[in-house]
Structures are given as C-alpha cells and as structure tokens.
C-alpha cells in the first residue's frame, strides 16, 4: 500500500498537484499495479492477484491522494492577508 501511495503522490506531483489531474495520477498508479501483477505471473514462486490491485494498491493510492488533498486545502494562504508584509524604511 505504501509503495502505491507514494507512486500516486509522485504522479500527482508531476502534474503540479492540479485538482483536475488528481484522478489521472490515481489511474496511472492503478494501471501500473495491473502491469506489476501481470509481471508477477512470469516470476517463479509468485502469482498474480486481482484482489491485490483492487484492495491494497488501489486503496493505498486513493488514501494518499485524499490525505494530500486535505492537507493542500488546509495549507492555502489567506488571500486577504499578505504573506509578506511591507515595511516603510
């Protein structure tokens, strides 16, 4: 879960944390999870699992994007009060 959480956040960062592209970041992480499970079908001793994609990888990506979005909305500066105040010298 943590790996796909970080992957989704990395994709969203590549899109400059754009609200419209948050779901594209999630989709890219899930598509990567599907290709990873496909790859596991060729590795001896490993087996692919659709449940792994649906439950763990998907939820890791969703939860991280949700938490990052909540944090991003909370950290917005107040548009009325300037960040740097001018001083008269």
PDB file of N, CA and C in Angstrom:
ATOM      1  N   UNK A   1       0.819  -1.198   0.000  1.00  0.00           N
ATOM      2  CA  UNK A   1       0.000   0.000   0.000  1.00  0.00           C
ATOM      3  C   UNK A   1       0.860   1.258   0.000  1.00  0.00           C
ATOM      4  N   UNK A   2       1.911   1.245   0.780  1.00  0.00           N
ATOM      5  CA  UNK A   2       2.753   2.432   0.892  1.00  0.00           C
ATOM      6  C   UNK A   2       3.443   2.739  -0.431  1.00  0.00           C
ATOM      7  N   UNK A   3       3.887   1.713  -1.115  1.00  0.00           N
ATOM      8  CA  UNK A   3       4.550   1.919  -2.400  1.00  0.00           C
ATOM      9  C   UNK A   3       3.635   2.584  -3.421  1.00  0.00           C
ATOM     10  N   UNK A   4       2.399   2.120  -3.496  1.00  0.00           N
ATOM     11  CA  UNK A   4       1.465   2.710  -4.452  1.00  0.00           C
ATOM     12  C   UNK A   4       0.931   4.054  -3.967  1.00  0.00           C
ATOM     13  N   UNK A   5       0.938   4.280  -2.670  1.00  0.00           N
ATOM     14  CA  UNK A   5       0.589   5.597  -2.144  1.00  0.00           C
ATOM     15  C   UNK A   5       1.637   6.614  -2.595  1.00  0.00           C
ATOM     16  N   UNK A   6       2.897   6.255  -2.457  1.00  0.00           N
ATOM     17  CA  UNK A   6       3.972   7.158  -2.879  1.00  0.00           C
ATOM     18  C   UNK A   6       4.000   7.330  -4.397  1.00  0.00           C
ATOM     19  N   UNK A   7       3.695   6.266  -5.122  1.00  0.00           N
ATOM     20  CA  UNK A   7       3.655   6.363  -6.585  1.00  0.00           C
ATOM     21  C   UNK A   7       2.570   7.333  -7.034  1.00  0.00           C
ATOM     22  N   UNK A   8       1.378   7.225  -6.455  1.00  0.00           N
ATOM     23  CA  UNK A   8       0.283   8.133  -6.817  1.00  0.00           C
ATOM     24  C   UNK A   8       0.633   9.576  -6.479  1.00  0.00           C
ATOM     25  N   UNK A   9       1.249   9.793  -5.319  1.00  0.00           N
ATOM     26  CA  UNK A   9       1.662  11.150  -4.949  1.00  0.00           C
ATOM     27  C   UNK A   9       2.725  11.682  -5.901  1.00  0.00           C
ATOM     28  N   UNK A  10       3.615  10.821  -6.337  1.00  0.00           N
ATOM     29  CA  UNK A  10       4.648  11.240  -7.290  1.00  0.00           C
ATOM     30  C   UNK A  10       4.030  11.638  -8.624  1.00  0.00           C
ATOM     31  N   UNK A  11       3.065  10.850  -9.078  1.00  0.00           N
ATOM     32  CA  UNK A  11       2.375  11.211 -10.328  1.00  0.00           C
ATOM     33  C   UNK A  11       1.657  12.545 -10.175  1.00  0.00           C
ATOM     34  N   UNK A  12       0.976  12.732  -9.047  1.00  0.00           N
ATOM     35  CA  UNK A  12       0.240  13.979  -8.837  1.00  0.00           C
ATOM     36  C   UNK A  12       1.203  15.161  -8.743  1.00  0.00           C
ATOM     37  N   UNK A  13       2.349  14.939  -8.143  1.00  0.00           N
ATOM     38  CA  UNK A  13       3.377  15.989  -8.080  1.00  0.00           C
ATOM     39  C   UNK A  13       3.849  16.346  -9.480  1.00  0.00           C
ATOM     40  N   UNK A  14       3.980  15.352 -10.350  1.00  0.00           N
ATOM     41  CA  UNK A  14       4.382  15.611 -11.736  1.00  0.00           C
ATOM     42  C   UNK A  14       3.355  16.490 -12.448  1.00  0.00           C
ATOM     43  N   UNK A  15       2.110  16.412 -12.022  1.00  0.00           N
ATOM     44  CA  UNK A  15       1.048  17.253 -12.586  1.00  0.00           C
ATOM     45  C   UNK A  15       0.882  18.547 -11.784  1.00  0.00           C
ATOM     46  N   UNK A  16       1.876  18.923 -10.982  1.00  0.00           N
ATOM     47  CA  UNK A  16       1.863  20.138 -10.163  1.00  0.00           C
ATOM     48  C   UNK A  16       0.662  20.217  -9.223  1.00  0.00           C
ATOM     49  N   UNK A  17       0.259  19.075  -8.699  1.00  0.00           N
ATOM     50  CA  UNK A  17      -0.856  18.979  -7.754  1.00  0.00           C
ATOM     51  C   UNK A  17      -2.139  19.619  -8.294  1.00  0.00           C
ATOM     52  N   UNK A  18      -2.350  19.484  -9.594  1.00  0.00           N
ATOM     53  CA  UNK A  18      -3.553  20.020 -10.232  1.00  0.00           C
ATOM     54  C   UNK A  18      -4.775  19.213  -9.793  1.00  0.00           C
ATOM     55  N   UNK A  19      -5.819  19.915  -9.352  1.00  0.00           N
ATOM     56  CA  UNK A  19      -7.051  19.248  -8.900  1.00  0.00           C
ATOM     57  C   UNK A  19      -7.645  18.385 -10.007  1.00  0.00           C
ATOM     58  N   UNK A  20      -7.619  18.890 -11.230  1.00  0.00           N
ATOM     59  CA  UNK A  20      -8.222  18.169 -12.343  1.00  0.00           C
ATOM     60  C   UNK A  20      -7.461  16.889 -12.687  1.00  0.00           C
ATOM     61  N   UNK A  21      -6.180  16.849 -12.365  1.00  0.00           N
ATOM     62  CA  UNK A  21      -5.362  15.699 -12.750  1.00  0.00           C
ATOM     63  C   UNK A  21      -5.096  14.725 -11.613  1.00  0.00           C
ATOM     64  N   UNK A  22      -5.743  14.947 -10.479  1.00  0.00           N
ATOM     65  CA  UNK A  22      -5.565  14.028  -9.347  1.00  0.00           C
ATOM     66  C   UNK A  22      -6.042  12.628  -9.722  1.00  0.00           C
ATOM     67  N   UNK A  23      -7.149  12.538 -10.432  1.00  0.00           N
ATOM     68  CA  UNK A  23      -7.685  11.226 -10.803  1.00  0.00           C
ATOM     69  C   UNK A  23      -6.837  10.558 -11.862  1.00  0.00           C
ATOM     70  N   UNK A  24      -6.140  11.331 -12.683  1.00  0.00           N
ATOM     71  CA  UNK A  24      -5.213  10.738 -13.651  1.00  0.00           C
ATOM     72  C   UNK A  24      -4.039  10.114 -12.913  1.00  0.00           C
ATOM     73  N   UNK A  25      -3.566  10.781 -11.870  1.00  0.00           N
ATOM     74  CA  UNK A  25      -2.486  10.226 -11.051  1.00  0.00           C
ATOM     75  C   UNK A  25      -2.919   8.906 -10.421  1.00  0.00           C
ATOM     76  N   UNK A  26      -4.161   8.864  -9.925  1.00  0.00           N
ATOM     77  CA  UNK A  26      -4.688   7.610  -9.343  1.00  0.00           C
ATOM     78  C   UNK A  26      -4.757   6.524 -10.416  1.00  0.00           C
ATOM     79  N   UNK A  27      -5.271   6.876 -11.592  1.00  0.00           N
ATOM     80  CA  UNK A  27      -5.419   5.900 -12.671  1.00  0.00           C
ATOM     81  C   UNK A  27      -4.064   5.350 -13.107  1.00  0.00           C
ATOM     82  N   UNK A  28      -3.071   6.210 -13.221  1.00  0.00           N
ATOM     83  CA  UNK A  28      -1.731   5.747 -13.598  1.00  0.00           C
ATOM     84  C   UNK A  28      -1.163   4.782 -12.566  1.00  0.00           C
ATOM     85  N   UNK A  29      -1.394   5.053 -11.296  1.00  0.00           N
ATOM     86  CA  UNK A  29      -0.908   4.151 -10.243  1.00  0.00           C
ATOM     87  C   UNK A  29      -1.606   2.798 -10.326  1.00  0.00           C
ATOM     88  N   UNK A  30      -2.903   2.803 -10.587  1.00  0.00           N
ATOM     89  CA  UNK A  30      -3.647   1.537 -10.692  1.00  0.00           C
ATOM     90  C   UNK A  30      -3.233   0.763 -11.949  1.00  0.00           C
ATOM     91  N   UNK A  31      -3.030   1.454 -13.047  1.00  0.00           N
ATOM     92  CA  UNK A  31      -2.573   0.780 -14.278  1.00  0.00           C
ATOM     93  C   UNK A  31      -1.203   0.159 -14.040  1.00  0.00           C
ATOM     94  N   UNK A  32      -0.345   0.871 -13.333  1.00  0.00           N
ATOM     95  CA  UNK A  32       0.967   0.301 -13.010  1.00  0.00           C
ATOM     96  C   UNK A  32       0.812  -0.939 -12.130  1.00  0.00           C
ATOM     97  N   UNK A  33      -0.126  -0.900 -11.195  1.00  0.00           N
ATOM     98  CA  UNK A  33      -0.365  -2.065 -10.329  1.00  0.00           C
ATOM     99  C   UNK A  33      -0.814  -3.274 -11.153  1.00  0.00           C
ATOM    100  N   UNK A  34      -1.662  -3.033 -12.147  1.00  0.00           N
ATOM    101  CA  UNK A  34      -2.116  -4.125 -13.015  1.00  0.00           C
ATOM    102  C   UNK A  34      -0.936  -4.709 -13.788  1.00  0.00           C
ATOM    103  N   UNK A  35      -0.080  -3.839 -14.334  1.00  0.00           N
ATOM    104  CA  UNK A  35       1.072  -4.351 -15.085  1.00  0.00           C
ATOM    105  C   UNK A  35       2.052  -5.078 -14.167  1.00  0.00           C
ATOM    106  N   UNK A  36       2.150  -4.655 -12.923  1.00  0.00           N
ATOM    107  CA  UNK A  36       3.014  -5.338 -11.965  1.00  0.00           C
ATOM    108  C   UNK A  36       2.489  -6.733 -11.665  1.00  0.00           C
ATOM    109  N   UNK A  37       1.177  -6.853 -11.511  1.00  0.00           N
ATOM    110  CA  UNK A  37       0.591  -8.189 -11.287  1.00  0.00           C
ATOM    111  C   UNK A  37       0.790  -9.086 -12.512  1.00  0.00           C
ATOM    112  N   UNK A  38       0.692  -8.510 -13.694  1.00  0.00           N
ATOM    113  CA  UNK A  38       0.953  -9.281 -14.919  1.00  0.00           C
ATOM    114  C   UNK A  38       2.396  -9.766 -14.924  1.00  0.00           C
ATOM    115  N   UNK A  39       3.310  -8.904 -14.548  1.00  0.00           N
ATOM    116  CA  UNK A  39       4.723  -9.281 -14.483  1.00  0.00           C
ATOM    117  C   UNK A  39       4.938 -10.412 -13.484  1.00  0.00           C
ATOM    118  N   UNK A  40       4.223 -10.385 -12.369  1.00  0.00           N
ATOM    119  CA  UNK A  40       4.380 -11.429 -11.355  1.00  0.00           C
ATOM    120  C   UNK A  40       3.981 -12.802 -11.870  1.00  0.00           C
ATOM    121  N   UNK A  41       3.142 -12.844 -12.898  1.00  0.00           N
ATOM    122  CA  UNK A  41       2.730 -14.145 -13.434  1.00  0.00           C
ATOM    123  C   UNK A  41       3.898 -14.875 -14.102  1.00  0.00           C
ATOM    124  N   UNK A  42       4.967 -14.156 -14.435  1.00  0.00           N
ATOM    125  CA  UNK A  42       6.134 -14.769 -15.074  1.00  0.00           C
ATOM    126  C   UNK A  42       7.260 -15.071 -14.084  1.00  0.00           C
ATOM    127  N   UNK A  43       7.122 -14.641 -12.855  1.00  0.00           N
ATOM    128  CA  UNK A  43       8.181 -14.823 -11.856  1.00  0.00           C
ATOM    129  C   UNK A  43       7.910 -16.115 -11.077  1.00  0.00           C
ATOM    130  N   UNK A  44       8.866 -17.038 -11.061  1.00  0.00           N
ATOM    131  CA  UNK A  44       8.668 -18.285 -10.313  1.00  0.00           C
ATOM    132  C   UNK A  44       8.457 -18.010  -8.823  1.00  0.00           C
ATOM    133  N   UNK A  45       7.491 -18.701  -8.241  1.00  0.00           N
ATOM    134  CA  UNK A  45       7.204 -18.554  -6.823  1.00  0.00           C
ATOM    135  C   UNK A  45       6.248 -17.415  -6.505  1.00  0.00           C
ATOM    136  N   UNK A  46       5.830 -16.652  -7.503  1.00  0.00           N
ATOM    137  CA  UNK A  46       4.892 -15.549  -7.288  1.00  0.00           C
ATOM    138  C   UNK A  46       3.663 -15.809  -8.138  1.00  0.00           C
ATOM    139  N   UNK A  47       2.551 -15.242  -7.747  1.00  0.00           N
ATOM    140  CA  UNK A  47       1.334 -15.400  -8.540  1.00  0.00           C
ATOM    141  C   UNK A  47       0.589 -14.064  -8.570  1.00  0.00           C
ATOM    142  N   UNK A  48      -0.067 -13.779  -9.684  1.00  0.00           N
ATOM    143  CA  UNK A  48      -0.820 -12.519  -9.781  1.00  0.00           C
ATOM    144  C   UNK A  48      -2.123 -12.606  -8.988  1.00  0.00           C
ATOM    145  N   UNK A  49      -2.566 -11.465  -8.497  1.00  0.00           N
ATOM    146  CA  UNK A  49      -3.813 -11.431  -7.744  1.00  0.00           C
ATOM    147  C   UNK A  49      -4.559 -10.139  -8.056  1.00  0.00           C
ATOM    148  N   UNK A  50      -5.753 -10.278  -8.587  1.00  0.00           N
ATOM    149  CA  UNK A  50      -6.580  -9.112  -8.871  1.00  0.00           C
ATOM    150  C   UNK A  50      -6.975  -8.416  -7.579  1.00  0.00           C
ATOM    151  N   UNK A  51      -7.156  -9.195  -6.500  1.00  0.00           N
ATOM    152  CA  UNK A  51      -7.517  -8.607  -5.209  1.00  0.00           C
ATOM    153  C   UNK A  51      -6.409  -7.706  -4.677  1.00  0.00           C
ATOM    154  N   UNK A  52      -5.183  -8.057  -4.980  1.00  0.00           N
ATOM    155  CA  UNK A  52      -4.055  -7.229  -4.564  1.00  0.00           C
ATOM    156  C   UNK A  52      -4.162  -5.835  -5.186  1.00  0.00           C
ATOM    157  N   UNK A  53      -4.535  -5.781  -6.456  1.00  0.00           N
ATOM    158  CA  UNK A  53      -4.702  -4.494  -7.148  1.00  0.00           C
ATOM    159  C   UNK A  53      -5.906  -3.751  -6.590  1.00  0.00           C
ATOM    160  N   UNK A  54      -7.042  -4.437  -6.494  1.00  0.00           N
ATOM    161  CA  UNK A  54      -8.297  -3.790  -6.103  1.00  0.00           C
ATOM    162  C   UNK A  54      -8.261  -3.296  -4.662  1.00  0.00           C
ATOM    163  N   UNK A  55      -7.722  -4.093  -3.770  1.00  0.00           N
ATOM    164  CA  UNK A  55      -7.779  -3.731  -2.353  1.00  0.00           C
ATOM    165  C   UNK A  55      -6.556  -2.924  -1.927  1.00  0.00           C
ATOM    166  N   UNK A  56      -5.388  -3.509  -2.013  1.00  0.00           N
ATOM    167  CA  UNK A  56      -4.217  -2.879  -1.407  1.00  0.00           C
ATOM    168  C   UNK A  56      -3.641  -1.739  -2.255  1.00  0.00           C
ATOM    169  N   UNK A  57      -3.340  -2.014  -3.515  1.00  0.00           N
ATOM    170  CA  UNK A  57      -2.693  -0.992  -4.343  1.00  0.00           C
ATOM    171  C   UNK A  57      -3.622   0.185  -4.601  1.00  0.00           C
ATOM    172  N   UNK A  58      -4.864  -0.102  -4.941  1.00  0.00           N
ATOM    173  CA  UNK A  58      -5.855   0.935  -5.207  1.00  0.00           C
ATOM    174  C   UNK A  58      -6.109   1.785  -3.963  1.00  0.00           C
ATOM    175  N   UNK A  59      -6.321   1.135  -2.831  1.00  0.00           N
ATOM    176  CA  UNK A  59      -6.589   1.888  -1.604  1.00  0.00           C
ATOM    177  C   UNK A  59      -5.389   2.706  -1.149  1.00  0.00           C
ATOM    178  N   UNK A  60      -4.197   2.182  -1.339  1.00  0.00           N
ATOM    179  CA  UNK A  60      -3.009   2.956  -0.991  1.00  0.00           C
ATOM    180  C   UNK A  60      -2.934   4.238  -1.792  1.00  0.00           C
ATOM    181  N   UNK A  61      -3.196   4.140  -3.090  1.00  0.00           N
ATOM    182  CA  UNK A  61      -3.174   5.329  -3.951  1.00  0.00           C
ATOM    183  C   UNK A  61      -4.292   6.297  -3.570  1.00  0.00           C
ATOM    184  N   UNK A  62      -5.496   5.774  -3.365  1.00  0.00           N
ATOM    185  CA  UNK A  62      -6.635   6.639  -3.033  1.00  0.00           C
ATOM    186  C   UNK A  62      -6.449   7.366  -1.699  1.00  0.00           C
ATOM    187  N   UNK A  63      -6.023   6.641  -0.696  1.00  0.00           N
ATOM    188  CA  UNK A  63      -5.875   7.239   0.627  1.00  0.00           C
ATOM    189  C   UNK A  63      -4.803   8.325   0.619  1.00  0.00           C
ATOM    190  N   UNK A  64      -3.696   8.063  -0.053  1.00  0.00           N
ATOM    191  CA  UNK A  64      -2.630   9.070  -0.069  1.00  0.00           C
ATOM    192  C   UNK A  64      -3.070  10.320  -0.815  1.00  0.00           C
ATOM    193  N   UNK A  65      -3.784  10.167  -1.928  1.00  0.00           N
ATOM    194  CA  UNK A  65      -4.255  11.339  -2.672  1.00  0.00           C
ATOM    195  C   UNK A  65      -5.307  12.105  -1.872  1.00  0.00           C
ATOM    196  N   UNK A  66      -6.151  11.387  -1.155  1.00  0.00           N
ATOM    197  CA  UNK A  66      -7.167  12.032  -0.332  1.00  0.00           C
ATOM    198  C   UNK A  66      -6.522  12.831   0.797  1.00  0.00           C
ATOM    199  N   UNK A  67      -5.563  12.207   1.494  1.00  0.00           N
ATOM    200  CA  UNK A  67      -4.882  12.899   2.588  1.00  0.00           C
ATOM    201  C   UNK A  67      -4.095  14.107   2.084  1.00  0.00           C
ATOM    202  N   UNK A  68      -3.407  13.950   0.960  1.00  0.00           N
ATOM    203  CA  UNK A  68      -2.634  15.065   0.404  1.00  0.00           C
ATOM    204  C   UNK A  68      -3.555  16.202  -0.015  1.00  0.00           C
ATOM    205  N   UNK A  69      -4.710  15.873  -0.559  1.00  0.00           N
ATOM    206  CA  UNK A  69      -5.660  16.909  -0.971  1.00  0.00           C
ATOM    207  C   UNK A  69      -6.201  17.657   0.245  1.00  0.00           C
ATOM    208  N   UNK A  70      -6.500  16.943   1.321  1.00  0.00           N
ATOM    209  CA  UNK A  70      -6.969  17.599   2.553  1.00  0.00           C
ATOM    210  C   UNK A  70      -5.878  18.510   3.119  1.00  0.00           C
ATOM    211  N   UNK A  71      -4.649  18.040   3.115  1.00  0.00           N
ATOM    212  CA  UNK A  71      -3.537  18.844   3.617  1.00  0.00           C
ATOM    213  C   UNK A  71      -3.335  20.080   2.744  1.00  0.00           C
ATOM    214  N   UNK A  72      -3.438  19.890   1.432  1.00  0.00           N
ATOM    215  CA  UNK A  72      -3.253  21.001   0.491  1.00  0.00           C
ATOM    216  C   UNK A  72      -4.320  22.074   0.699  1.00  0.00           C
ATOM    217  N   UNK A  73      -5.555  21.672   0.895  1.00  0.00           N
ATOM    218  CA  UNK A  73      -6.632  22.639   1.096  1.00  0.00           C
ATOM    219  C   UNK A  73      -6.471  23.380   2.423  1.00  0.00           C
ATOM    220  N   UNK A  74      -5.961  22.712   3.420  1.00  0.00           N
ATOM    221  CA  UNK A  74      -5.788  23.329   4.732  1.00  0.00           C
ATOM    222  C   UNK A  74      -4.639  24.324   4.755  1.00  0.00           C
ATOM    223  N   UNK A  75      -3.635  24.148   3.917  1.00  0.00           N
ATOM    224  CA  UNK A  75      -2.445  24.974   3.932  1.00  0.00           C
ATOM    225  C   UNK A  75      -2.529  26.193   3.008  1.00  0.00           C
ATOM    226  N   UNK A  76      -3.663  26.461   2.388  1.00  0.00           N
ATOM    227  CA  UNK A  76      -3.784  27.613   1.490  1.00  0.00           C
ATOM    228  C   UNK A  76      -3.666  28.906   2.284  1.00  0.00           C
ATOM    229  N   UNK A  77      -2.895  29.867   1.756  1.00  0.00           N
ATOM    230  CA  UNK A  77      -2.768  31.139   2.463  1.00  0.00           C
ATOM    231  C   UNK A  77      -4.051  31.958   2.356  1.00  0.00           C
ATOM    232  N   UNK A  78      -4.229  32.829   3.331  1.00  0.00           N
ATOM    233  CA  UNK A  78      -5.383  33.716   3.352  1.00  0.00           C
ATOM    234  C   UNK A  78      -5.207  34.771   2.263  1.00  0.00           C
ATOM    235  N   UNK A  79      -6.126  34.874   1.286  1.00  0.00           N
ATOM    236  CA  UNK A  79      -5.946  35.829   0.195  1.00  0.00           C
ATOM    237  C   UNK A  79      -6.070  37.281   0.639  1.00  0.00           C
ATOM    238  N   UNK A  80      -6.697  37.537   1.790  1.00  0.00           N
ATOM    239  CA  UNK A  80      -6.878  38.907   2.270  1.00  0.00           C
ATOM    240  C   UNK A  80      -5.607  39.409   2.945  1.00  0.00           C
ATOM    241  N   UNK A  81      -4.962  38.555   3.702  1.00  0.00           N
ATOM    242  CA  UNK A  81      -3.762  38.947   4.428  1.00  0.00           C
ATOM    243  C   UNK A  81      -2.530  38.539   3.623  1.00  0.00           C
ATOM    244  N   UNK A  82      -1.646  39.476   3.294  1.00  0.00           N
ATOM    245  CA  UNK A  82      -0.465  39.142   2.505  1.00  0.00           C
ATOM    246  C   UNK A  82       0.509  38.257   3.294  1.00  0.00           C
ATOM    247  N   UNK A  83       1.234  37.448   2.561  1.00  0.00           N
ATOM    248  CA  UNK A  83       2.202  36.557   3.199  1.00  0.00           C
ATOM    249  C   UNK A  83       3.377  37.370   3.736  1.00  0.00           C
ATOM    250  N   UNK A  84       3.866  38.308   2.939  1.00  0.00           N
ATOM    251  CA  UNK A  84       4.961  39.164   3.355  1.00  0.00           C
ATOM    252  C   UNK A  84       4.420  40.570   3.502  1.00  0.00           C
ATOM    253  N   UNK A  85       4.577  41.136   4.662  1.00  0.00           N
ATOM    254  CA  UNK A  85       4.077  42.474   4.895  1.00  0.00           C
ATOM    255  C   UNK A  85       5.151  43.499   4.541  1.00  0.00           C
ATOM    256  N   UNK A  86       4.723  44.570   3.920  1.00  0.00           N
ATOM    257  CA  UNK A  86       5.656  45.610   3.518  1.00  0.00           C
ATOM    258  C   UNK A  86       6.012  46.472   4.728  1.00  0.00           C
ATOM    259  N   UNK A  87       7.260  46.928   4.755  1.00  0.00           N
ATOM    260  CA  UNK A  87       7.712  47.847   5.802  1.00  0.00           C
ATOM    261  C   UNK A  87       8.183  49.134   5.152  1.00  0.00           C
ATOM    262  N   UNK A  88       7.895  50.220   5.777  1.00  0.00           N
ATOM    263  CA  UNK A  88       8.321  51.516   5.266  1.00  0.00           C
ATOM    264  C   UNK A  88       9.629  51.895   5.938  1.00  0.00           C
ATOM    265  N   UNK A  89      10.709  51.880   5.154  1.00  0.00           N
ATOM    266  CA  UNK A  89      12.027  52.231   5.710  1.00  0.00           C
ATOM    267  C   UNK A  89      12.533  53.494   5.116  1.00  0.00           C
TER     268      UNK A  89
END
